[in-house]
Amino acid sequence: VYRVNWLRTKALCDRWNEEVILVKHEMQWSVNFFTYKAKQWLSLMDNATYTGLTGHACYAARQCHIYRQLAAHAAESF
């Protein structure tokens, strides 16, 4: 009886350890995604600035700033 309980507990512990590893990777993926989106908006801002679309450039700059803040907050939180 004790062996069965020990095996169940060990299996549960192993599953939780695996979950911790997966969550850490998911957290890094979130930071990478926000950084990617910030670079994407920065590129769009540069294109809008080059073509003289001031409103589009301002919107893209704002979006870039938001995604940079999200990436920074996610990196600090994780």
Protein backbone atom coordinates (compact mmCIF):
# COMPACT_ATOMS: atom_id res chain seq x y z
CA VAL A 1 0.00 0.00 0.00
CA TYR A 2 2.80 2.41 0.87
CA ARG A 3 4.61 1.69 -2.40
CA VAL A 4 1.52 2.48 -4.44
CA ASN A 5 1.03 5.77 -2.62
CA TRP A 6 4.70 6.61 -3.02
CA LEU A 7 4.55 5.89 -6.76
CA ARG A 8 1.42 8.00 -7.17
CA THR A 9 3.02 10.86 -5.26
CA LYS A 10 6.22 10.60 -7.29
CA ALA A 11 4.23 10.63 -10.56
CA LEU A 12 2.33 13.71 -9.37
CA CYS A 13 5.57 15.43 -8.42
CA ASP A 14 7.09 14.60 -11.81
CA ARG A 15 4.06 16.03 -13.62
CA TRP A 16 4.28 19.28 -11.63
CA ASN A 17 8.01 19.58 -12.32
CA GLU A 18 7.30 19.17 -16.03
CA GLU A 19 4.56 21.79 -15.80
CA VAL A 20 7.00 24.27 -14.21
CA ILE A 21 9.42 23.74 -17.10
CA LEU A 22 6.65 24.27 -19.66
CA VAL A 23 5.37 27.43 -17.96
CA LYS A 24 8.87 28.93 -17.93
CA HIS A 25 9.16 28.32 -21.66
CA GLU A 26 5.69 29.80 -22.27
CA MET A 27 6.70 32.89 -20.33
CA GLN A 28 9.79 33.34 -22.52
CA TRP A 29 7.66 32.82 -25.63
CA SER A 30 5.40 35.66 -24.45
CA VAL A 31 8.37 38.02 -24.05
CA ASN A 32 9.67 36.99 -27.49
CA PHE A 33 6.25 37.58 -29.07
CA PHE A 34 5.90 41.07 -27.59
CA THR A 35 9.42 41.95 -28.72
CA TYR A 36 8.66 40.67 -32.22
CA LYS A 37 5.46 42.72 -32.42
CA ALA A 38 7.31 45.85 -31.22
CA LYS A 39 9.88 45.40 -34.01
CA GLN A 40 7.11 44.85 -36.51
CA TRP A 41 5.36 48.09 -35.50
CA LEU A 42 8.69 49.92 -35.56
CA SER A 43 9.18 48.80 -39.15
CA LEU A 44 5.69 49.99 -40.03
CA MET A 45 6.41 53.32 -38.35
CA ASP A 46 9.58 53.74 -40.41
CA ASN A 47 7.67 52.98 -43.61
CA ALA A 48 4.92 55.44 -42.70
CA THR A 49 7.46 58.13 -41.83
CA TYR A 50 9.28 57.56 -45.12
CA THR A 51 6.05 57.90 -47.13
CA GLY A 52 4.96 60.98 -45.18
CA LEU A 53 1.92 59.47 -43.46
CA THR A 54 2.23 61.24 -40.13
CA GLY A 55 -0.94 59.80 -38.58
CA HIS A 56 0.03 56.27 -39.47
CA ALA A 57 3.52 56.82 -38.08
CA CYS A 58 2.13 58.13 -34.78
CA TYR A 59 -0.22 55.16 -34.44
CA ALA A 60 2.60 52.72 -35.22
CA ALA A 61 4.87 54.45 -32.71
CA ARG A 62 2.19 54.12 -30.04
CA GLN A 63 1.68 50.42 -30.80
CA CYS A 64 5.44 49.87 -30.72
CA HIS A 65 5.62 51.58 -27.33
CA ILE A 66 2.76 49.43 -25.97
CA TYR A 67 4.40 46.18 -27.08
CA ARG A 68 7.74 47.26 -25.63
CA GLN A 69 6.05 47.96 -22.31
CA LEU A 70 4.32 44.58 -22.43
CA ALA A 71 7.64 42.85 -23.12
CA ALA A 72 9.36 44.71 -20.28
CA HIS A 73 6.52 43.95 -17.85
CA ALA A 74 6.46 40.30 -18.88
CA ALA A 75 10.24 39.99 -18.46
CA GLU A 76 10.05 41.55 -14.99
CA SER A 77 7.09 39.44 -13.91
CA PHE A 78 8.49 36.15 -15.07
